[in-house]
N, C-alpha and C. Protein backbone atom coordinates (compact mmCIF):
# COMPACT_ATOMS: atom_id res chain seq x y z
N UNK A 1 24.66 12.05 -3.07
CA UNK A 1 24.51 11.09 -3.84
C UNK A 1 23.50 9.78 -3.50
N UNK A 2 22.76 9.37 -4.65
CA UNK A 2 21.89 8.47 -4.63
C UNK A 2 22.52 6.89 -4.96
N UNK A 3 21.81 6.00 -4.20
CA UNK A 3 21.92 4.60 -4.12
C UNK A 3 21.21 4.24 -5.65
N UNK A 4 21.65 3.71 -7.09
CA UNK A 4 21.16 3.66 -7.96
C UNK A 4 20.06 2.47 -7.68
N UNK A 5 20.60 1.37 -6.87
CA UNK A 5 19.92 0.31 -6.68
C UNK A 5 18.31 0.60 -6.06
N UNK A 6 18.33 1.70 -5.00
CA UNK A 6 17.20 2.45 -4.10
C UNK A 6 16.52 3.40 -5.53
N UNK A 7 17.57 4.19 -6.06
CA UNK A 7 16.68 5.10 -7.06
C UNK A 7 16.80 6.44 -6.18
N UNK A 8 16.84 7.49 -7.25
CA UNK A 8 16.87 8.80 -6.54
C UNK A 8 16.08 9.56 -6.02
N UNK A 9 14.48 8.75 -5.89
CA UNK A 9 13.24 9.55 -5.53
C UNK A 9 12.95 9.27 -4.26
N UNK A 10 12.17 9.52 -2.97
CA UNK A 10 11.70 9.11 -2.35
C UNK A 10 10.21 8.24 -2.92
N UNK A 11 9.93 7.35 -1.67
CA UNK A 11 9.11 6.69 -2.18
C UNK A 11 7.76 7.22 -2.15
N UNK A 12 7.01 6.24 -3.22
CA UNK A 12 5.64 6.85 -3.41
C UNK A 12 4.47 6.02 -3.02
N UNK A 13 3.54 6.85 -2.66
CA UNK A 13 2.58 6.44 -1.63
C UNK A 13 1.65 5.51 -2.50
N UNK A 14 1.16 5.60 -3.96
CA UNK A 14 0.23 5.07 -4.95
C UNK A 14 0.40 3.93 -5.42
N UNK A 15 1.59 3.16 -5.17
CA UNK A 15 1.67 1.95 -6.14
C UNK A 15 2.07 0.92 -4.56
N UNK A 16 1.12 0.06 -4.21
CA UNK A 16 1.51 -1.03 -3.05
C UNK A 16 0.60 -2.08 -3.04
N UNK A 17 1.05 -2.86 -2.80
CA UNK A 17 -0.04 -4.42 -2.72
C UNK A 17 0.21 -5.01 -1.45
N UNK A 18 -1.03 -5.63 -1.51
CA UNK A 18 -1.43 -6.50 0.41
C UNK A 18 -1.03 -7.81 -0.39
N UNK A 19 -0.82 -8.62 0.85
CA UNK A 19 -0.55 -9.71 1.05
C UNK A 19 -1.08 -10.36 2.20
N UNK A 20 -2.10 -10.95 2.34
CA UNK A 20 -2.41 -11.98 3.66
C UNK A 20 -2.44 -13.26 3.60
N UNK A 21 -1.57 -13.94 4.63
CA UNK A 21 -1.64 -15.15 4.61
C UNK A 21 -2.12 -15.78 5.82
N UNK A 22 -3.60 -17.03 6.00
CA UNK A 22 -3.89 -17.34 7.18
C UNK A 22 -3.10 -18.77 7.35
N UNK A 23 -2.59 -18.98 8.06
CA UNK A 23 -1.82 -20.47 8.69
C UNK A 23 -2.79 -21.19 8.75
N UNK A 24 -2.66 -22.50 7.92
CA UNK A 24 -3.51 -23.70 8.19
C UNK A 24 -5.05 -23.29 7.11
N UNK A 25 -4.89 -22.04 6.72
CA UNK A 25 -6.49 -22.10 5.69
C UNK A 25 -6.01 -21.67 4.29
N UNK A 26 -4.94 -20.41 4.10
CA UNK A 26 -4.21 -20.48 2.78
C UNK A 26 -3.01 -19.40 2.94
N UNK A 27 -2.52 -20.01 1.71
CA UNK A 27 -1.37 -19.08 1.84
C UNK A 27 -1.26 -17.84 1.44
N UNK A 28 -2.54 -17.39 0.41
CA UNK A 28 -2.76 -16.17 0.28
C UNK A 28 -4.15 -15.80 0.03
N UNK A 29 -4.69 -15.43 1.30
CA UNK A 29 -6.20 -15.10 1.50
C UNK A 29 -6.77 -13.89 0.54
N UNK A 30 -5.54 -13.33 0.60
CA UNK A 30 -5.77 -11.78 0.05
C UNK A 30 -5.27 -11.77 -1.42
N UNK A 31 -6.15 -11.75 -2.43
CA UNK A 31 -5.51 -11.38 -3.70
C UNK A 31 -6.54 -10.23 -4.41
N UNK A 32 -6.27 -9.52 -4.01
CA UNK A 32 -7.53 -8.38 -3.84
C UNK A 32 -6.39 -6.78 -4.08
N UNK A 33 -7.08 -6.02 -4.91
CA UNK A 33 -6.39 -4.46 -5.44
C UNK A 33 -7.02 -3.50 -4.31
N UNK A 34 -6.71 -2.58 -3.45
CA UNK A 34 -7.34 -1.60 -2.85
C UNK A 34 -7.04 -0.44 -3.44
N UNK A 35 -7.76 0.43 -3.24
CA UNK A 35 -7.08 1.94 -3.64
C UNK A 35 -6.73 2.49 -2.38
N UNK A 36 -6.83 2.19 -1.26
CA UNK A 36 -6.46 3.06 -0.01
C UNK A 36 -5.69 2.13 0.81
N UNK A 37 -4.24 2.14 1.76
CA UNK A 37 -4.32 1.60 2.68
C UNK A 37 -3.63 2.53 3.85
N UNK A 38 -4.30 2.52 4.94
CA UNK A 38 -3.90 3.42 6.20
C UNK A 38 -3.92 2.63 7.38
N UNK A 39 -3.01 3.62 8.44
CA UNK A 39 -2.85 2.70 9.49
C UNK A 39 -1.58 1.94 9.88
N UNK A 40 -0.79 2.20 8.99
CA UNK A 40 0.71 1.58 9.59
C UNK A 40 1.10 2.33 10.59
N UNK A 41 0.77 2.07 12.06
CA UNK A 41 1.61 3.17 12.72
C UNK A 41 1.68 2.14 14.11
N UNK A 42 2.56 2.69 14.92
CA UNK A 42 2.85 2.13 16.42
C UNK A 42 3.13 3.56 16.75
N UNK A 43 2.87 3.33 18.36
CA UNK A 43 3.14 4.30 19.11
C UNK A 43 3.71 4.14 20.66
N UNK A 44 4.87 4.50 20.61
CA UNK A 44 5.41 4.36 22.21
C UNK A 44 4.70 4.98 23.33
N UNK A 45 4.40 4.42 24.27
CA UNK A 45 4.18 5.43 25.38
C UNK A 45 5.57 5.80 26.44
N UNK A 46 5.26 6.83 26.80
CA UNK A 46 6.32 7.28 27.34
C UNK A 46 6.24 7.68 28.63
N UNK A 47 7.18 7.19 30.02
CA UNK A 47 6.88 7.27 31.44
C UNK A 47 7.81 8.77 31.54
N UNK A 48 7.26 9.67 32.62
CA UNK A 48 8.03 10.65 33.05
C UNK A 48 8.50 10.22 34.55
N UNK A 49 9.50 10.74 34.51
CA UNK A 49 9.99 10.52 36.33
C UNK A 49 10.89 11.86 36.52
N UNK A 50 10.22 12.33 37.61
CA UNK A 50 11.06 13.60 38.00
C UNK A 50 11.85 13.39 39.41
N UNK A 51 12.88 13.98 39.24
CA UNK A 51 13.87 13.45 40.23
C UNK A 51 13.83 14.42 41.02
N UNK A 52 13.97 14.47 42.61
CA UNK A 52 13.72 15.25 43.30
C UNK A 52 15.27 16.35 43.55
N UNK A 53 14.82 17.52 43.52
CA UNK A 53 15.89 18.53 43.63
C UNK A 53 16.40 18.93 42.28
N UNK A 54 15.74 17.92 41.07
CA UNK A 54 16.39 18.76 40.00
C UNK A 54 15.30 19.07 39.30
N UNK A 55 15.13 20.46 38.80
CA UNK A 55 13.98 21.07 38.39
C UNK A 55 14.43 21.11 37.21
N UNK A 56 15.46 21.17 36.67
CA UNK A 56 15.78 21.79 35.31
C UNK A 56 15.85 20.59 34.34
N UNK A 57 15.37 19.19 34.71
CA UNK A 57 14.94 18.17 33.78
C UNK A 57 14.48 16.83 34.24
N UNK A 58 14.01 16.16 33.41
CA UNK A 58 13.21 15.21 33.92
C UNK A 58 13.85 13.60 32.70
N UNK A 59 13.51 12.35 33.70
CA UNK A 59 13.66 11.56 32.85
C UNK A 59 12.90 10.85 32.32
N UNK A 60 12.58 10.61 31.16
CA UNK A 60 11.82 9.98 29.85
C UNK A 60 12.37 8.00 30.06
N UNK A 61 11.31 7.32 30.01
CA UNK A 61 11.33 6.00 29.96
C UNK A 61 10.56 5.44 29.00
N UNK A 62 11.11 4.77 28.06
CA UNK A 62 10.17 4.07 26.87
C UNK A 62 9.53 3.14 27.68
N UNK A 63 8.02 2.60 27.24
CA UNK A 63 7.03 2.15 27.70
C UNK A 63 6.58 1.25 26.48
N UNK A 64 5.57 0.66 26.78
CA UNK A 64 4.83 -0.32 26.27
C UNK A 64 4.62 0.63 24.62
N UNK A 65 4.38 -0.30 23.41
CA UNK A 65 4.24 0.32 22.34
C UNK A 65 2.50 -0.35 21.87
N UNK A 66 2.32 0.75 21.02
CA UNK A 66 0.84 0.42 20.51
C UNK A 66 0.74 0.06 19.49
N UNK A 67 -0.30 -0.82 18.84
CA UNK A 67 -0.52 -0.40 17.37
C UNK A 67 -1.64 0.25 16.85
N UNK A 68 -1.79 0.60 15.59
CA UNK A 68 -2.91 1.07 14.85
C UNK A 68 -3.98 -0.12 14.26
N UNK A 69 -4.79 0.42 13.49
CA UNK A 69 -5.93 -0.58 12.96
C UNK A 69 -5.63 -0.41 11.62
N UNK A 70 -4.89 -1.28 10.77
CA UNK A 70 -4.93 -1.24 9.25
C UNK A 70 -6.36 -0.99 8.46
N UNK A 71 -6.43 0.06 7.86
CA UNK A 71 -7.80 0.39 6.82
C UNK A 71 -7.59 -0.07 5.41
N UNK A 72 -8.10 -0.80 4.90
CA UNK A 72 -8.15 -1.10 3.23
C UNK A 72 -9.24 -0.34 2.73
N UNK A 73 -9.29 0.06 2.05
CA UNK A 73 -10.42 0.88 1.32
C UNK A 73 -10.64 0.43 -0.44
N UNK A 74 -11.80 0.45 -0.80
CA UNK A 74 -11.97 0.28 -2.15
C UNK A 74 -11.20 -0.74 -2.71
N UNK A 75 -11.75 -2.03 -2.71
CA UNK A 75 -10.80 -2.99 -2.63
C UNK A 75 -11.72 -3.72 -4.03
N UNK A 76 -10.83 -4.69 -4.86
CA UNK A 76 -12.00 -5.40 -5.67
C UNK A 76 -10.90 -6.56 -5.83
N UNK A 77 -11.70 -7.53 -6.16
CA UNK A 77 -11.40 -9.14 -5.98
C UNK A 77 -12.29 -10.25 -6.64
N UNK A 78 -11.80 -10.90 -7.69
CA UNK A 78 -12.81 -12.26 -7.94
C UNK A 78 -12.92 -13.24 -7.35
N UNK A 79 -12.55 -13.08 -6.16
CA UNK A 79 -12.70 -14.04 -4.77
C UNK A 79 -12.99 -13.71 -3.69
N UNK A 80 -13.84 -14.83 -3.00
CA UNK A 80 -14.33 -14.46 -1.47
C UNK A 80 -13.92 -15.15 -0.65
N UNK A 81 -12.35 -15.14 -0.52
CA UNK A 81 -11.49 -15.26 0.41
C UNK A 81 -11.63 -14.47 1.61
N UNK A 82 -11.74 -13.21 1.50
CA UNK A 82 -11.43 -12.26 2.57
C UNK A 82 -12.96 -12.34 3.49
N UNK A 83 -14.20 -12.67 2.60
CA UNK A 83 -15.37 -12.94 3.09
C UNK A 83 -15.38 -14.12 4.31
N UNK A 84 -14.83 -15.41 3.54
CA UNK A 84 -14.71 -16.78 4.10
C UNK A 84 -13.63 -16.55 5.28
N UNK A 85 -12.45 -15.41 5.20
CA UNK A 85 -11.99 -15.49 6.47
C UNK A 85 -12.82 -14.84 7.83
N UNK A 86 -13.08 -13.93 7.55
CA UNK A 86 -13.89 -13.28 8.37
C UNK A 86 -14.97 -14.10 8.90
N UNK A 87 -15.78 -14.76 8.31
CA UNK A 87 -17.00 -15.92 8.86
C UNK A 87 -16.13 -17.45 9.74
N UNK A 88 -14.76 -17.67 9.34
CA UNK A 88 -14.07 -18.47 9.94
C UNK A 88 -13.65 -17.94 11.33
N UNK A 89 -13.45 -16.73 11.41
CA UNK A 89 -13.26 -16.37 12.80
C UNK A 89 -14.10 -16.08 13.89
N UNK A 90 -15.34 -15.95 13.25
CA UNK A 90 -16.50 -16.07 14.07
C UNK A 90 -16.69 -17.62 14.74
N UNK A 91 -16.24 -18.45 13.72
CA UNK A 91 -16.15 -19.81 14.61
C UNK A 91 -14.90 -20.41 15.20
N UNK A 92 -13.50 -19.42 14.99
CA UNK A 92 -12.46 -19.66 15.54
C UNK A 92 -11.70 -18.54 15.96
N UNK A 93 -12.25 -18.04 17.37
CA UNK A 93 -11.44 -16.71 17.48
C UNK A 93 -10.13 -16.59 17.60
N UNK A 94 -9.53 -17.59 17.49
CA UNK A 94 -7.78 -17.47 17.71
C UNK A 94 -7.29 -17.41 16.44
N UNK A 95 -8.05 -17.35 15.17
CA UNK A 95 -7.50 -17.62 13.87
C UNK A 95 -6.85 -16.30 13.66
N UNK A 96 -5.64 -16.39 13.08
CA UNK A 96 -4.81 -14.83 12.82
C UNK A 96 -4.17 -15.10 11.70
N UNK A 97 -3.66 -14.13 10.90
CA UNK A 97 -3.21 -14.49 9.80
C UNK A 97 -1.73 -13.33 10.19
N UNK A 98 -0.73 -13.16 9.25
CA UNK A 98 0.18 -12.46 8.81
C UNK A 98 -0.32 -11.82 7.78
N UNK A 99 0.19 -10.45 7.74
CA UNK A 99 0.15 -9.71 6.44
C UNK A 99 1.58 -8.90 6.03
N UNK A 100 1.02 -8.46 4.58
CA UNK A 100 2.43 -7.51 4.31
C UNK A 100 1.81 -6.45 3.61
N UNK A 101 2.23 -5.58 4.00
CA UNK A 101 2.08 -4.06 2.62
C UNK A 101 3.44 -3.98 2.38
N UNK A 102 3.40 -3.84 1.01
CA UNK A 102 4.45 -3.60 0.17
C UNK A 102 4.57 -2.48 -0.50
N UNK A 103 5.44 -1.76 -0.28
CA UNK A 103 5.71 -0.61 -1.18
C UNK A 103 6.20 -0.68 -2.26
N UNK A 104 5.85 -0.39 -3.62
CA UNK A 104 6.53 -0.46 -4.98
C UNK A 104 7.04 0.66 -5.38
N UNK A 105 8.14 0.45 -6.33
CA UNK A 105 8.34 1.41 -7.32
C UNK A 105 7.36 1.98 -8.08
N UNK A 106 7.69 3.27 -8.46
CA UNK A 106 6.37 3.85 -9.28
C UNK A 106 6.11 2.86 -10.66
N UNK A 107 7.22 2.45 -10.98
CA UNK A 107 7.27 1.59 -12.15
C UNK A 107 6.54 -0.27 -11.90
N UNK A 108 6.63 -0.50 -10.41
CA UNK A 108 6.19 -1.40 -10.20
C UNK A 108 7.01 -2.66 -10.31
N UNK A 109 8.64 -2.07 -10.72
CA UNK A 109 9.76 -3.20 -11.01
C UNK A 109 10.03 -3.81 -9.60
N UNK A 110 10.22 -2.79 -8.65
CA UNK A 110 10.95 -3.32 -7.51
C UNK A 110 10.23 -3.11 -6.33
N UNK A 111 10.43 -3.51 -5.37
CA UNK A 111 9.76 -3.36 -3.66
C UNK A 111 10.85 -2.24 -3.12
N UNK A 112 10.10 -1.31 -2.59
CA UNK A 112 10.56 -0.24 -1.89
C UNK A 112 11.03 -0.58 -0.48
N UNK A 113 9.75 -0.95 0.36
CA UNK A 113 9.72 -1.06 1.82
C UNK A 113 8.41 -2.39 1.78
N UNK A 114 8.81 -2.97 3.01
CA UNK A 114 7.66 -4.18 3.45
C UNK A 114 7.47 -4.08 4.75
N UNK A 115 6.05 -3.77 5.11
CA UNK A 115 5.89 -3.87 6.09
C UNK A 115 4.95 -5.29 6.63
N UNK A 116 5.33 -5.76 8.13
CA UNK A 116 4.71 -7.00 8.58
C UNK A 116 4.08 -6.84 9.33
N UNK A 117 2.38 -7.28 9.42
CA UNK A 117 1.72 -7.07 10.64
C UNK A 117 1.34 -8.37 11.12
N UNK A 118 1.88 -9.09 12.32
CA UNK A 118 1.85 -9.94 12.79
C UNK A 118 0.57 -10.17 13.77
N UNK A 119 0.06 -11.45 13.38
CA UNK A 119 -1.11 -11.80 14.01
C UNK A 119 -2.65 -10.96 13.92
N UNK A 120 -2.83 -10.77 12.77
CA UNK A 120 -4.05 -9.81 12.32
C UNK A 120 -5.14 -10.58 12.25
N UNK A 121 -6.07 -9.82 12.90
CA UNK A 121 -7.90 -10.44 13.00
C UNK A 121 -8.58 -9.47 12.16
N UNK A 122 -9.60 -9.63 11.28
CA UNK A 122 -10.36 -8.96 11.02
C UNK A 122 -11.12 -8.11 11.77
N UNK A 123 -11.43 -6.84 11.90
CA UNK A 123 -12.80 -6.56 12.71
C UNK A 123 -13.81 -5.74 11.73
N UNK A 124 -13.39 -5.24 10.60
CA UNK A 124 -14.31 -4.91 10.00
C UNK A 124 -14.29 -5.37 8.78
N UNK A 125 -15.28 -5.52 7.86
CA UNK A 125 -15.56 -5.97 6.43
C UNK A 125 -17.06 -5.28 6.17
N UNK A 126 -16.84 -4.15 5.01
CA UNK A 126 -17.90 -3.67 4.73
C UNK A 126 -17.99 -4.09 3.20
N UNK A 127 -19.32 -4.38 2.80
CA UNK A 127 -19.26 -4.04 1.06
C UNK A 127 -19.80 -2.91 0.72
N UNK A 128 -19.84 -2.62 -0.46
CA UNK A 128 -19.97 -1.29 -1.06
C UNK A 128 -21.57 -1.19 -1.32
N UNK A 129 -22.00 -0.14 -1.70
CA UNK A 129 -22.92 0.26 -2.48
C UNK A 129 -23.30 -0.82 -3.83
N UNK A 130 -24.44 -1.64 -3.72
CA UNK A 130 -24.66 -2.23 -4.63
C UNK A 130 -25.01 -1.34 -5.96
N UNK A 131 -24.63 -1.60 -7.40
CA UNK A 131 -24.76 -0.82 -8.59
C UNK A 131 -24.73 -1.69 -9.89
N UNK A 132 -25.57 -1.88 -10.50
CA UNK A 132 -26.00 -2.34 -11.50
C UNK A 132 -24.91 -2.39 -12.50
N UNK A 133 -24.06 -1.26 -12.72
CA UNK A 133 -23.14 -0.97 -13.93
C UNK A 133 -22.18 -1.68 -13.52
N UNK A 134 -21.80 -1.96 -12.31
CA UNK A 134 -20.31 -2.45 -12.07
C UNK A 134 -20.77 -4.31 -11.72
N UNK A 135 -19.43 -4.68 -12.62
CA UNK A 135 -19.71 -6.31 -12.90
C UNK A 135 -18.39 -6.69 -11.80
N UNK A 136 -17.98 -6.24 -10.72
CA UNK A 136 -16.84 -7.07 -10.02
C UNK A 136 -17.61 -6.94 -8.45
N UNK A 137 -16.64 -7.79 -7.95
CA UNK A 137 -16.80 -8.05 -6.67
C UNK A 137 -15.96 -7.17 -5.95
N UNK A 138 -16.65 -6.32 -5.02
CA UNK A 138 -15.74 -5.42 -4.29
C UNK A 138 -15.84 -4.84 -2.80
N UNK A 139 -15.36 -4.69 -2.55
CA UNK A 139 -14.93 -4.65 -0.89
C UNK A 139 -14.83 -3.03 -0.47
N UNK A 140 -16.09 -2.57 0.37
CA UNK A 140 -15.62 -1.15 0.56
C UNK A 140 -14.39 -0.91 1.60
N UNK A 141 -14.05 -1.98 2.64
CA UNK A 141 -13.68 -1.61 3.50
C UNK A 141 -13.18 -2.88 4.70
N UNK A 142 -12.17 -2.95 4.50
CA UNK A 142 -11.45 -4.09 5.40
C UNK A 142 -10.79 -3.43 6.59
N UNK A 143 -10.91 -3.95 7.82
CA UNK A 143 -9.82 -3.13 8.73
C UNK A 143 -9.48 -4.35 9.68
N UNK A 144 -8.18 -4.05 9.79
CA UNK A 144 -7.40 -5.49 10.83
C UNK A 144 -6.46 -4.67 11.95
N UNK A 145 -7.22 -5.66 12.82
CA UNK A 145 -6.03 -5.07 14.35
C UNK A 145 -5.03 -6.19 13.79
N UNK A 146 -3.69 -5.32 14.31
CA UNK A 146 -2.49 -6.69 14.21
C UNK A 146 -1.82 -6.37 15.90
N UNK A 147 -1.20 -6.97 15.99
CA UNK A 147 -0.37 -7.17 17.66
C UNK A 147 0.96 -6.85 16.95
N UNK A 148 1.71 -6.58 16.41
CA UNK A 148 2.92 -6.19 15.75
C UNK A 148 3.45 -5.43 14.52
N UNK A 149 4.08 -4.69 14.25
CA UNK A 149 4.60 -3.91 13.00
C UNK A 149 6.06 -3.92 13.21
N UNK A 150 5.97 -4.61 11.63
CA UNK A 150 7.68 -4.73 11.71
C UNK A 150 8.33 -4.31 10.15
N UNK A 151 8.86 -3.37 10.15
CA UNK A 151 9.49 -2.92 8.80
C UNK A 151 10.54 -4.04 8.37
N UNK A 152 10.49 -4.53 7.00
CA UNK A 152 11.57 -5.37 6.63
C UNK A 152 12.22 -5.23 5.65
N UNK A 153 13.44 -5.58 4.97
CA UNK A 153 14.09 -5.07 3.87
C UNK A 153 13.15 -5.34 2.77
N UNK A 154 13.16 -4.98 1.51
CA UNK A 154 12.98 -5.54 0.44
C UNK A 154 13.23 -6.71 0.05
N UNK A 155 12.38 -7.62 -0.62
CA UNK A 155 13.00 -8.83 -1.21
C UNK A 155 13.18 -8.69 -2.58
C-alpha cells in the first residue's frame, strides 16, 4: 500500500529546482532553470583487513567519504548573479555557498526529496554558443565542488 502523502509512484527526475545561497552575499544567488543536473554522489572508501589464519573471511572497515562534482547544464536566467559569484570567488577564495537540489513531484505541487550540498565553490562556468535567434541569457554549464552531501526530508 502506498503512502497517500508521498504518492504511489517513484520519484521522477525531470522536475527539479536548484537553490544556491551565498552567506553574506545573497540569500538566493541562483534563480535559474537548468535542463540537467548530475553529480549528486558520495563514495565511501573501504579498508580491507585480513586476519591471520582466517582465509575464508576478510574484515571491511568504512573509511572517509568523498563527494562528486555537481554539474548543471543548459540553464537560463535573467540575472548575472552566478557570473558575479564566480568572479567574487576569484577575489575571496574562502567564499562558499550552500545549495539545495529539490526533486519535485510531476505536477510541481510537492517536494519529494531535498539534497543539501554544503560549502560549494564554483569550478566551472561556461557560456553557450551565441545565437542571434535566442533572446535569453544562458549558461551552458555550471560545475560546483561541494564538501558534504545530505539528503533532507522535504519541506
